[in-house]
């Protein structure tokens, strides 16, 4: 497992990837060519992946992502050290916090 700020990145075995994911719509890259995992609402900084790969948003209220890196990649952020990821599949989950009566995503 890997953590960068409020983003958790968990390896997923190839056989555990849902069958619909390879054909699901992919998230677009940003203007800098990165796959943005989460954008800081306060700072404008981004947790993003550089390198060849695809990002698929899973359905649900918090929309976890599935990330595929066929050659590996790096997770970068302006305020954190980069993290090297080996090739493979990953589930990307944003940290949540409990607020009485609900749950919300942590704001960066």
PDB file of N, CA and C in Angstrom:
ATOM      1  N   UNK A   1       0.846  -1.188   0.000  1.00  0.00           N
ATOM      2  CA  UNK A   1       0.000   0.000   0.000  1.00  0.00           C
ATOM      3  C   UNK A   1       0.883   1.241   0.000  1.00  0.00           C
ATOM      4  N   UNK A   2       0.348   2.280  -0.558  1.00  0.00           N
ATOM      5  CA  UNK A   2       1.061   3.560  -0.646  1.00  0.00           C
ATOM      6  C   UNK A   2       0.107   4.658  -0.194  1.00  0.00           C
ATOM      7  N   UNK A   3       0.644   5.669   0.466  1.00  0.00           N
ATOM      8  CA  UNK A   3      -0.171   6.812   0.863  1.00  0.00           C
ATOM      9  C   UNK A   3       0.608   8.074   0.527  1.00  0.00           C
ATOM     10  N   UNK A   4      -0.115   9.030  -0.064  1.00  0.00           N
ATOM     11  CA  UNK A   4       0.450  10.354  -0.298  1.00  0.00           C
ATOM     12  C   UNK A   4      -0.619  11.339   0.143  1.00  0.00           C
ATOM     13  N   UNK A   5      -0.401  11.966   1.292  1.00  0.00           N
ATOM     14  CA  UNK A   5      -1.397  12.884   1.835  1.00  0.00           C
ATOM     15  C   UNK A   5      -2.704  12.163   2.077  1.00  0.00           C
ATOM     16  N   UNK A   6      -3.794  12.663   1.496  1.00  0.00           N
ATOM     17  CA  UNK A   6      -5.121  12.077   1.730  1.00  0.00           C
ATOM     18  C   UNK A   6      -5.509  11.043   0.671  1.00  0.00           C
ATOM     19  N   UNK A   7      -4.519  10.516  -0.079  1.00  0.00           N
ATOM     20  CA  UNK A   7      -4.774   9.516  -1.113  1.00  0.00           C
ATOM     21  C   UNK A   7      -4.114   8.197  -0.720  1.00  0.00           C
ATOM     22  N   UNK A   8      -4.888   7.117  -0.740  1.00  0.00           N
ATOM     23  CA  UNK A   8      -4.397   5.769  -0.462  1.00  0.00           C
ATOM     24  C   UNK A   8      -4.400   5.004  -1.775  1.00  0.00           C
ATOM     25  N   UNK A   9      -3.300   4.323  -2.070  1.00  0.00           N
ATOM     26  CA  UNK A   9      -3.154   3.566  -3.317  1.00  0.00           C
ATOM     27  C   UNK A   9      -2.854   2.123  -2.944  1.00  0.00           C
ATOM     28  N   UNK A  10      -3.773   1.232  -3.317  1.00  0.00           N
ATOM     29  CA  UNK A  10      -3.702  -0.171  -2.903  1.00  0.00           C
ATOM     30  C   UNK A  10      -3.532  -1.058  -4.133  1.00  0.00           C
ATOM     31  N   UNK A  11      -2.484  -1.897  -4.164  1.00  0.00           N
ATOM     32  CA  UNK A  11      -2.333  -2.812  -5.298  1.00  0.00           C
ATOM     33  C   UNK A  11      -3.527  -3.758  -5.402  1.00  0.00           C
ATOM     34  N   UNK A  12      -3.901  -4.085  -6.645  1.00  0.00           N
ATOM     35  CA  UNK A  12      -5.002  -5.002  -6.931  1.00  0.00           C
ATOM     36  C   UNK A  12      -4.467  -6.078  -7.866  1.00  0.00           C
ATOM     37  N   UNK A  13      -4.695  -7.338  -7.525  1.00  0.00           N
ATOM     38  CA  UNK A  13      -4.270  -8.438  -8.389  1.00  0.00           C
ATOM     39  C   UNK A  13      -5.031  -8.379  -9.711  1.00  0.00           C
ATOM     40  N   UNK A  14      -4.376  -8.756 -10.790  1.00  0.00           N
ATOM     41  CA  UNK A  14      -5.005  -8.731 -12.118  1.00  0.00           C
ATOM     42  C   UNK A  14      -6.349  -9.462 -12.118  1.00  0.00           C
ATOM     43  N   UNK A  15      -6.408 -10.610 -11.466  1.00  0.00           N
ATOM     44  CA  UNK A  15      -7.637 -11.401 -11.477  1.00  0.00           C
ATOM     45  C   UNK A  15      -8.747 -10.777 -10.627  1.00  0.00           C
ATOM     46  N   UNK A  16      -8.432  -9.798  -9.788  1.00  0.00           N
ATOM     47  CA  UNK A  16      -9.439  -9.127  -8.957  1.00  0.00           C
ATOM     48  C   UNK A  16     -10.031  -7.884  -9.621  1.00  0.00           C
ATOM     49  N   UNK A  17      -9.498  -7.491 -10.767  1.00  0.00           N
ATOM     50  CA  UNK A  17     -10.023  -6.325 -11.488  1.00  0.00           C
ATOM     51  C   UNK A  17     -11.368  -6.710 -12.100  1.00  0.00           C
ATOM     52  N   UNK A  18     -12.435  -5.958 -11.809  1.00  0.00           N
ATOM     53  CA  UNK A  18     -13.745  -6.293 -12.388  1.00  0.00           C
ATOM     54  C   UNK A  18     -13.687  -6.369 -13.911  1.00  0.00           C
ATOM     55  N   UNK A  19     -14.456  -7.291 -14.469  1.00  0.00           N
ATOM     56  CA  UNK A  19     -14.387  -7.554 -15.911  1.00  0.00           C
ATOM     57  C   UNK A  19     -14.781  -6.349 -16.774  1.00  0.00           C
ATOM     58  N   UNK A  20     -15.594  -5.423 -16.248  1.00  0.00           N
ATOM     59  CA  UNK A  20     -16.020  -4.270 -17.053  1.00  0.00           C
ATOM     60  C   UNK A  20     -14.955  -3.185 -17.151  1.00  0.00           C
ATOM     61  N   UNK A  21     -13.961  -3.207 -16.290  1.00  0.00           N
ATOM     62  CA  UNK A  21     -13.012  -2.099 -16.192  1.00  0.00           C
ATOM     63  C   UNK A  21     -12.180  -1.876 -17.459  1.00  0.00           C
ATOM     64  N   UNK A  22     -11.617  -2.909 -18.087  1.00  0.00           N
ATOM     65  CA  UNK A  22     -10.804  -2.625 -19.286  1.00  0.00           C
ATOM     66  C   UNK A  22     -11.568  -1.903 -20.399  1.00  0.00           C
ATOM     67  N   UNK A  23     -12.880  -2.099 -20.469  1.00  0.00           N
ATOM     68  CA  UNK A  23     -13.674  -1.446 -21.518  1.00  0.00           C
ATOM     69  C   UNK A  23     -14.418  -0.208 -21.025  1.00  0.00           C
ATOM     70  N   UNK A  24     -14.272   0.139 -19.760  1.00  0.00           N
ATOM     71  CA  UNK A  24     -14.977   1.294 -19.189  1.00  0.00           C
ATOM     72  C   UNK A  24     -14.363   2.601 -19.690  1.00  0.00           C
ATOM     73  N   UNK A  25     -15.136   3.702 -19.672  1.00  0.00           N
ATOM     74  CA  UNK A  25     -14.577   5.008 -20.077  1.00  0.00           C
ATOM     75  C   UNK A  25     -13.414   5.399 -19.162  1.00  0.00           C
ATOM     76  N   UNK A  26     -12.416   5.987 -19.758  1.00  0.00           N
ATOM     77  CA  UNK A  26     -11.214   6.403 -19.033  1.00  0.00           C
ATOM     78  C   UNK A  26     -11.291   7.886 -18.676  1.00  0.00           C
ATOM     79  N   UNK A  27     -10.707   8.241 -17.539  1.00  0.00           N
ATOM     80  CA  UNK A  27     -10.617   9.643 -17.141  1.00  0.00           C
ATOM     81  C   UNK A  27      -9.603  10.332 -18.050  1.00  0.00           C
ATOM     82  N   UNK A  28      -9.879  11.570 -18.454  1.00  0.00           N
ATOM     83  CA  UNK A  28      -8.932  12.287 -19.325  1.00  0.00           C
ATOM     84  C   UNK A  28      -7.703  12.761 -18.549  1.00  0.00           C
ATOM     85  N   UNK A  29      -6.641  12.999 -19.256  1.00  0.00           N
ATOM     86  CA  UNK A  29      -5.433  13.591 -18.658  1.00  0.00           C
ATOM     87  C   UNK A  29      -5.624  15.108 -18.588  1.00  0.00           C
ATOM     88  N   UNK A  30      -4.891  15.738 -17.680  1.00  0.00           N
ATOM     89  CA  UNK A  30      -4.989  17.194 -17.579  1.00  0.00           C
ATOM     90  C   UNK A  30      -4.114  17.849 -18.645  1.00  0.00           C
ATOM     91  N   UNK A  31      -4.056  19.170 -18.642  1.00  0.00           N
ATOM     92  CA  UNK A  31      -3.312  19.921 -19.658  1.00  0.00           C
ATOM     93  C   UNK A  31      -1.817  19.611 -19.631  1.00  0.00           C
ATOM     94  N   UNK A  32      -1.333  19.097 -18.484  1.00  0.00           N
ATOM     95  CA  UNK A  32       0.089  18.751 -18.355  1.00  0.00           C
ATOM     96  C   UNK A  32       0.347  17.285 -18.677  1.00  0.00           C
ATOM     97  N   UNK A  33      -0.692  16.559 -19.089  1.00  0.00           N
ATOM     98  CA  UNK A  33      -0.529  15.167 -19.475  1.00  0.00           C
ATOM     99  C   UNK A  33      -0.568  14.186 -18.318  1.00  0.00           C
ATOM    100  N   UNK A  34      -1.030  14.629 -17.154  1.00  0.00           N
ATOM    101  CA  UNK A  34      -1.058  13.780 -15.969  1.00  0.00           C
ATOM    102  C   UNK A  34      -2.435  13.163 -15.775  1.00  0.00           C
ATOM    103  N   UNK A  35      -2.478  12.035 -15.085  1.00  0.00           N
ATOM    104  CA  UNK A  35      -3.729  11.443 -14.624  1.00  0.00           C
ATOM    105  C   UNK A  35      -3.955  11.971 -13.208  1.00  0.00           C
ATOM    106  N   UNK A  36      -4.924  12.843 -13.037  1.00  0.00           N
ATOM    107  CA  UNK A  36      -5.149  13.476 -11.737  1.00  0.00           C
ATOM    108  C   UNK A  36      -6.006  12.567 -10.862  1.00  0.00           C
ATOM    109  N   UNK A  37      -5.432  12.153  -9.722  1.00  0.00           N
ATOM    110  CA  UNK A  37      -6.148  11.312  -8.769  1.00  0.00           C
ATOM    111  C   UNK A  37      -7.069  12.151  -7.904  1.00  0.00           C
ATOM    112  N   UNK A  38      -6.594  13.311  -7.485  1.00  0.00           N
ATOM    113  CA  UNK A  38      -7.420  14.255  -6.738  1.00  0.00           C
ATOM    114  C   UNK A  38      -6.802  15.644  -6.848  1.00  0.00           C
ATOM    115  N   UNK A  39      -7.656  16.637  -6.949  1.00  0.00           N
ATOM    116  CA  UNK A  39      -7.233  18.023  -7.064  1.00  0.00           C
ATOM    117  C   UNK A  39      -7.528  18.725  -5.757  1.00  0.00           C
ATOM    118  N   UNK A  40      -6.548  19.426  -5.207  1.00  0.00           N
ATOM    119  CA  UNK A  40      -6.734  20.149  -3.957  1.00  0.00           C
ATOM    120  C   UNK A  40      -7.711  21.293  -4.131  1.00  0.00           C
ATOM    121  N   UNK A  41      -8.810  21.249  -3.384  1.00  0.00           N
ATOM    122  CA  UNK A  41      -9.832  22.287  -3.481  1.00  0.00           C
ATOM    123  C   UNK A  41      -9.332  23.624  -2.939  1.00  0.00           C
ATOM    124  N   UNK A  42      -8.446  23.573  -1.960  1.00  0.00           N
ATOM    125  CA  UNK A  42      -7.953  24.792  -1.318  1.00  0.00           C
ATOM    126  C   UNK A  42      -6.703  25.315  -2.021  1.00  0.00           C
ATOM    127  N   UNK A  43      -5.728  24.417  -2.278  1.00  0.00           N
ATOM    128  CA  UNK A  43      -4.432  24.851  -2.804  1.00  0.00           C
ATOM    129  C   UNK A  43      -4.336  24.826  -4.314  1.00  0.00           C
ATOM    130  N   UNK A  44      -5.165  24.020  -4.977  1.00  0.00           N
ATOM    131  CA  UNK A  44      -5.049  23.845  -6.413  1.00  0.00           C
ATOM    132  C   UNK A  44      -3.980  22.848  -6.803  1.00  0.00           C
ATOM    133  N   UNK A  45      -3.256  22.301  -5.797  1.00  0.00           N
ATOM    134  CA  UNK A  45      -2.263  21.269  -6.080  1.00  0.00           C
ATOM    135  C   UNK A  45      -2.968  19.969  -6.413  1.00  0.00           C
ATOM    136  N   UNK A  46      -2.251  19.040  -7.069  1.00  0.00           N
ATOM    137  CA  UNK A  46      -2.878  17.792  -7.473  1.00  0.00           C
ATOM    138  C   UNK A  46      -2.016  16.590  -7.091  1.00  0.00           C
ATOM    139  N   UNK A  47      -2.677  15.522  -6.662  1.00  0.00           N
ATOM    140  CA  UNK A  47      -2.050  14.209  -6.579  1.00  0.00           C
ATOM    141  C   UNK A  47      -2.267  13.631  -7.967  1.00  0.00           C
ATOM    142  N   UNK A  48      -1.185  13.364  -8.694  1.00  0.00           N
ATOM    143  CA  UNK A  48      -1.312  12.963 -10.087  1.00  0.00           C
ATOM    144  C   UNK A  48      -0.278  11.908 -10.437  1.00  0.00           C
ATOM    145  N   UNK A  49      -0.593  11.134 -11.464  1.00  0.00           N
ATOM    146  CA  UNK A  49       0.311  10.094 -11.944  1.00  0.00           C
ATOM    147  C   UNK A  49       0.918  10.546 -13.258  1.00  0.00           C
ATOM    148  N   UNK A  50       2.242  10.425 -13.337  1.00  0.00           N
ATOM    149  CA  UNK A  50       2.931  10.668 -14.596  1.00  0.00           C
ATOM    150  C   UNK A  50       3.419   9.316 -15.103  1.00  0.00           C
ATOM    151  N   UNK A  51       3.321   9.136 -16.381  1.00  0.00           N
ATOM    152  CA  UNK A  51       3.684   7.860 -16.987  1.00  0.00           C
ATOM    153  C   UNK A  51       2.502   7.301 -17.751  1.00  0.00           C
ATOM    154  N   UNK A  52       2.766   6.272 -18.521  1.00  0.00           N
ATOM    155  CA  UNK A  52       1.735   5.638 -19.333  1.00  0.00           C
ATOM    156  C   UNK A  52       0.772   4.901 -18.419  1.00  0.00           C
ATOM    157  N   UNK A  53      -0.518   5.021 -18.687  1.00  0.00           N
ATOM    158  CA  UNK A  53      -1.508   4.314 -17.887  1.00  0.00           C
ATOM    159  C   UNK A  53      -2.907   4.818 -18.145  1.00  0.00           C
ATOM    160  N   UNK A  54      -3.861   4.237 -17.414  1.00  0.00           N
ATOM    161  CA  UNK A  54      -5.265   4.600 -17.550  1.00  0.00           C
ATOM    162  C   UNK A  54      -5.886   4.680 -16.171  1.00  0.00           C
ATOM    163  N   UNK A  55      -6.893   5.540 -16.054  1.00  0.00           N
ATOM    164  CA  UNK A  55      -7.606   5.745 -14.804  1.00  0.00           C
ATOM    165  C   UNK A  55      -9.097   5.603 -15.079  1.00  0.00           C
ATOM    166  N   UNK A  56      -9.756   4.710 -14.309  1.00  0.00           N
ATOM    167  CA  UNK A  56     -11.182   4.445 -14.475  1.00  0.00           C
ATOM    168  C   UNK A  56     -11.880   4.760 -13.160  1.00  0.00           C
ATOM    169  N   UNK A  57     -12.931   5.580 -13.211  1.00  0.00           N
ATOM    170  CA  UNK A  57     -13.715   5.900 -12.012  1.00  0.00           C
ATOM    171  C   UNK A  57     -14.778   4.828 -11.820  1.00  0.00           C
ATOM    172  N   UNK A  58     -14.812   4.258 -10.635  1.00  0.00           N
ATOM    173  CA  UNK A  58     -15.833   3.283 -10.283  1.00  0.00           C
ATOM    174  C   UNK A  58     -17.094   4.019  -9.851  1.00  0.00           C
ATOM    175  N   UNK A  59     -18.271   3.428 -10.054  1.00  0.00           N
ATOM    176  CA  UNK A  59     -19.501   4.084  -9.613  1.00  0.00           C
ATOM    177  C   UNK A  59     -19.581   4.146  -8.093  1.00  0.00           C
ATOM    178  N   UNK A  60     -20.328   5.104  -7.591  1.00  0.00           N
ATOM    179  CA  UNK A  60     -20.523   5.234  -6.152  1.00  0.00           C
ATOM    180  C   UNK A  60     -20.371   6.664  -5.713  1.00  0.00           C
ATOM    181  N   UNK A  61     -20.812   6.975  -4.489  1.00  0.00           N
ATOM    182  CA  UNK A  61     -20.800   8.363  -4.031  1.00  0.00           C
ATOM    183  C   UNK A  61     -19.410   8.971  -3.916  1.00  0.00           C
ATOM    184  N   UNK A  62     -18.394   8.144  -3.660  1.00  0.00           N
ATOM    185  CA  UNK A  62     -17.039   8.684  -3.539  1.00  0.00           C
ATOM    186  C   UNK A  62     -16.170   8.273  -4.711  1.00  0.00           C
ATOM    187  N   UNK A  63     -16.733   7.536  -5.655  1.00  0.00           N
ATOM    188  CA  UNK A  63     -16.069   7.189  -6.906  1.00  0.00           C
ATOM    189  C   UNK A  63     -14.633   6.771  -6.797  1.00  0.00           C
ATOM    190  N   UNK A  64     -14.320   5.667  -6.106  1.00  0.00           N
ATOM    191  CA  UNK A  64     -12.911   5.255  -6.100  1.00  0.00           C
ATOM    192  C   UNK A  64     -12.448   4.989  -7.533  1.00  0.00           C
ATOM    193  N   UNK A  65     -11.177   5.140  -7.748  1.00  0.00           N
ATOM    194  CA  UNK A  65     -10.589   4.935  -9.064  1.00  0.00           C
ATOM    195  C   UNK A  65      -9.877   3.588  -9.126  1.00  0.00           C
ATOM    196  N   UNK A  66      -9.788   3.031 -10.312  1.00  0.00           N
ATOM    197  CA  UNK A  66      -8.883   1.931 -10.602  1.00  0.00           C
ATOM    198  C   UNK A  66      -7.846   2.481 -11.569  1.00  0.00           C
ATOM    199  N   UNK A  67      -6.593   2.292 -11.234  1.00  0.00           N
ATOM    200  CA  UNK A  67      -5.470   2.824 -11.994  1.00  0.00           C
ATOM    201  C   UNK A  67      -4.692   1.659 -12.578  1.00  0.00           C
ATOM    202  N   UNK A  68      -4.415   1.709 -13.873  1.00  0.00           N
ATOM    203  CA  UNK A  68      -3.602   0.677 -14.515  1.00  0.00           C
ATOM    204  C   UNK A  68      -2.328   1.313 -15.024  1.00  0.00           C
ATOM    205  N   UNK A  69      -1.196   0.772 -14.576  1.00  0.00           N
ATOM    206  CA  UNK A  69       0.117   1.262 -15.000  1.00  0.00           C
ATOM    207  C   UNK A  69       0.882   0.111 -15.649  1.00  0.00           C
ATOM    208  N   UNK A  70       0.808  -0.016 -16.973  1.00  0.00           N
ATOM    209  CA  UNK A  70       1.463  -1.148 -17.627  1.00  0.00           C
ATOM    210  C   UNK A  70       2.989  -1.125 -17.540  1.00  0.00           C
ATOM    211  N   UNK A  71       3.566   0.047 -17.333  1.00  0.00           N
ATOM    212  CA  UNK A  71       5.028   0.177 -17.236  1.00  0.00           C
ATOM    213  C   UNK A  71       5.466   0.738 -15.888  1.00  0.00           C
ATOM    214  N   UNK A  72       4.549   0.857 -14.944  1.00  0.00           N
ATOM    215  CA  UNK A  72       4.852   1.549 -13.695  1.00  0.00           C
ATOM    216  C   UNK A  72       4.655   3.045 -13.900  1.00  0.00           C
ATOM    217  N   UNK A  73       4.825   3.814 -12.848  1.00  0.00           N
ATOM    218  CA  UNK A  73       4.648   5.260 -12.942  1.00  0.00           C
ATOM    219  C   UNK A  73       5.039   5.923 -11.630  1.00  0.00           C
ATOM    220  N   UNK A  74       4.826   7.229 -11.560  1.00  0.00           N
ATOM    221  CA  UNK A  74       5.133   7.992 -10.346  1.00  0.00           C
ATOM    222  C   UNK A  74       3.931   8.819  -9.962  1.00  0.00           C
ATOM    223  N   UNK A  75       3.653   8.861  -8.651  1.00  0.00           N
ATOM    224  CA  UNK A  75       2.616   9.741  -8.123  1.00  0.00           C
ATOM    225  C   UNK A  75       3.336  10.990  -7.629  1.00  0.00           C
ATOM    226  N   UNK A  76       2.906  12.137  -8.119  1.00  0.00           N
ATOM    227  CA  UNK A  76       3.565  13.396  -7.767  1.00  0.00           C
ATOM    228  C   UNK A  76       2.564  14.358  -7.130  1.00  0.00           C
ATOM    229  N   UNK A  77       3.083  15.269  -6.337  1.00  0.00           N
ATOM    230  CA  UNK A  77       2.306  16.335  -5.700  1.00  0.00           C
ATOM    231  C   UNK A  77       3.289  17.428  -5.334  1.00  0.00           C
ATOM    232  N   UNK A  78       2.844  18.657  -5.410  1.00  0.00           N
ATOM    233  CA  UNK A  78       3.732  19.794  -5.162  1.00  0.00           C
ATOM    234  C   UNK A  78       4.278  19.849  -3.733  1.00  0.00           C
ATOM    235  N   UNK A  79       3.598  19.238  -2.777  1.00  0.00           N
ATOM    236  CA  UNK A  79       4.023  19.329  -1.371  1.00  0.00           C
ATOM    237  C   UNK A  79       4.447  17.990  -0.758  1.00  0.00           C
ATOM    238  N   UNK A  80       4.551  16.937  -1.580  1.00  0.00           N
ATOM    239  CA  UNK A  80       4.936  15.616  -1.084  1.00  0.00           C
ATOM    240  C   UNK A  80       6.035  15.044  -1.960  1.00  0.00           C
ATOM    241  N   UNK A  81       6.791  14.104  -1.392  1.00  0.00           N
ATOM    242  CA  UNK A  81       7.784  13.393  -2.191  1.00  0.00           C
ATOM    243  C   UNK A  81       7.063  12.496  -3.191  1.00  0.00           C
ATOM    244  N   UNK A  82       7.661  12.320  -4.358  1.00  0.00           N
ATOM    245  CA  UNK A  82       7.080  11.443  -5.379  1.00  0.00           C
ATOM    246  C   UNK A  82       7.137   9.993  -4.898  1.00  0.00           C
ATOM    247  N   UNK A  83       6.185   9.196  -5.359  1.00  0.00           N
ATOM    248  CA  UNK A  83       6.133   7.774  -5.034  1.00  0.00           C
ATOM    249  C   UNK A  83       6.228   6.996  -6.337  1.00  0.00           C
ATOM    250  N   UNK A  84       7.193   6.083  -6.412  1.00  0.00           N
ATOM    251  CA  UNK A  84       7.319   5.217  -7.587  1.00  0.00           C
ATOM    252  C   UNK A  84       6.399   4.014  -7.403  1.00  0.00           C
ATOM    253  N   UNK A  85       5.599   3.726  -8.421  1.00  0.00           N
ATOM    254  CA  UNK A  85       4.699   2.572  -8.387  1.00  0.00           C
ATOM    255  C   UNK A  85       5.147   1.570  -9.439  1.00  0.00           C
ATOM    256  N   UNK A  86       5.260   0.287  -9.050  1.00  0.00           N
ATOM    257  CA  UNK A  86       5.573  -0.732 -10.053  1.00  0.00           C
ATOM    258  C   UNK A  86       4.383  -0.953 -10.984  1.00  0.00           C
ATOM    259  N   UNK A  87       4.605  -1.598 -12.090  1.00  0.00           N
ATOM    260  CA  UNK A  87       3.514  -1.854 -13.030  1.00  0.00           C
ATOM    261  C   UNK A  87       2.437  -2.688 -12.359  1.00  0.00           C
ATOM    262  N   UNK A  88       1.191  -2.478 -12.798  1.00  0.00           N
ATOM    263  CA  UNK A  88       0.082  -3.246 -12.257  1.00  0.00           C
ATOM    264  C   UNK A  88      -1.177  -2.406 -12.122  1.00  0.00           C
ATOM    265  N   UNK A  89      -2.152  -2.982 -11.405  1.00  0.00           N
ATOM    266  CA  UNK A  89      -3.438  -2.336 -11.128  1.00  0.00           C
ATOM    267  C   UNK A  89      -3.458  -1.847  -9.690  1.00  0.00           C
ATOM    268  N   UNK A  90      -4.164  -0.724  -9.469  1.00  0.00           N
ATOM    269  CA  UNK A  90      -4.283  -0.128  -8.132  1.00  0.00           C
ATOM    270  C   UNK A  90      -5.686   0.426  -7.926  1.00  0.00           C
ATOM    271  N   UNK A  91      -6.160   0.363  -6.697  1.00  0.00           N
ATOM    272  CA  UNK A  91      -7.390   1.045  -6.302  1.00  0.00           C
ATOM    273  C   UNK A  91      -6.935   2.324  -5.606  1.00  0.00           C
ATOM    274  N   UNK A  92      -7.500   3.448  -6.008  1.00  0.00           N
ATOM    275  CA  UNK A  92      -7.152   4.751  -5.444  1.00  0.00           C
ATOM    276  C   UNK A  92      -8.339   5.230  -4.618  1.00  0.00           C
ATOM    277  N   UNK A  93      -8.109   5.475  -3.329  1.00  0.00           N
ATOM    278  CA  UNK A  93      -9.176   5.859  -2.415  1.00  0.00           C
ATOM    279  C   UNK A  93      -8.797   7.159  -1.723  1.00  0.00           C
ATOM    280  N   UNK A  94      -9.716   8.108  -1.731  1.00  0.00           N
ATOM    281  CA  UNK A  94      -9.500   9.361  -0.983  1.00  0.00           C
ATOM    282  C   UNK A  94      -9.899   9.171   0.465  1.00  0.00           C
ATOM    283  N   UNK A  95      -9.135   9.760   1.345  1.00  0.00           N
ATOM    284  CA  UNK A  95      -9.447   9.709   2.764  1.00  0.00           C
ATOM    285  C   UNK A  95     -10.774  10.409   3.024  1.00  0.00           C
ATOM    286  N   UNK A  96     -11.557   9.839   3.916  1.00  0.00           N
ATOM    287  CA  UNK A  96     -12.847  10.420   4.294  1.00  0.00           C
ATOM    288  C   UNK A  96     -12.800  10.777   5.770  1.00  0.00           C
ATOM    289  N   UNK A  97     -13.671  11.659   6.170  1.00  0.00           N
ATOM    290  CA  UNK A  97     -13.778  11.977   7.591  1.00  0.00           C
ATOM    291  C   UNK A  97     -15.239  11.950   7.991  1.00  0.00           C
ATOM    292  N   UNK A  98     -15.453  11.533   9.215  1.00  0.00           N
ATOM    293  CA  UNK A  98     -16.812  11.461   9.728  1.00  0.00           C
ATOM    294  C   UNK A  98     -17.232  12.836  10.220  1.00  0.00           C
ATOM    295  N   UNK A  99     -18.391  13.243   9.803  1.00  0.00           N
ATOM    296  CA  UNK A  99     -19.033  14.465  10.274  1.00  0.00           C
ATOM    297  C   UNK A  99     -20.378  13.991  10.809  1.00  0.00           C
ATOM    298  N   UNK A 100     -20.765  14.356  12.021  1.00  0.00           N
ATOM    299  CA  UNK A 100     -22.012  13.820  12.573  1.00  0.00           C
ATOM    300  C   UNK A 100     -23.142  13.833  11.543  1.00  0.00           C
ATOM    301  N   UNK A 101     -23.658  12.625  11.277  1.00  0.00           N
ATOM    302  CA  UNK A 101     -24.755  12.483  10.342  1.00  0.00           C
ATOM    303  C   UNK A 101     -24.341  12.212   8.902  1.00  0.00           C
ATOM    304  N   UNK A 102     -23.037  12.294   8.603  1.00  0.00           N
ATOM    305  CA  UNK A 102     -22.598  12.043   7.219  1.00  0.00           C
ATOM    306  C   UNK A 102     -21.109  11.721   7.169  1.00  0.00           C
ATOM    307  N   UNK A 103     -20.636  11.507   5.975  1.00  0.00           N
ATOM    308  CA  UNK A 103     -19.216  11.287   5.709  1.00  0.00           C
ATOM    309  C   UNK A 103     -18.848  12.212   4.574  1.00  0.00           C
ATOM    310  N   UNK A 104     -17.658  12.805   4.639  1.00  0.00           N
ATOM    311  CA  UNK A 104     -17.227  13.672   3.530  1.00  0.00           C
ATOM    312  C   UNK A 104     -15.774  13.402   3.212  1.00  0.00           C
ATOM    313  N   UNK A 105     -15.378  13.760   1.986  1.00  0.00           N
ATOM    314  CA  UNK A 105     -13.985  13.619   1.577  1.00  0.00           C
ATOM    315  C   UNK A 105     -13.156  14.686   2.256  1.00  0.00           C
ATOM    316  N   UNK A 106     -11.928  14.343   2.593  1.00  0.00           N
ATOM    317  CA  UNK A 106     -11.024  15.307   3.199  1.00  0.00           C
ATOM    318  C   UNK A 106     -10.609  16.315   2.133  1.00  0.00           C
ATOM    319  N   UNK A 107     -10.659  17.599   2.455  1.00  0.00           N
ATOM    320  CA  UNK A 107     -10.251  18.659   1.521  1.00  0.00           C
ATOM    321  C   UNK A 107      -8.763  18.925   1.695  1.00  0.00           C
ATOM    322  N   UNK A 108      -8.065  19.027   0.585  1.00  0.00           N
ATOM    323  CA  UNK A 108      -6.612  19.282   0.590  1.00  0.00           C
ATOM    324  C   UNK A 108      -6.372  20.771   0.686  1.00  0.00           C
TER     325      UNK A 108
END
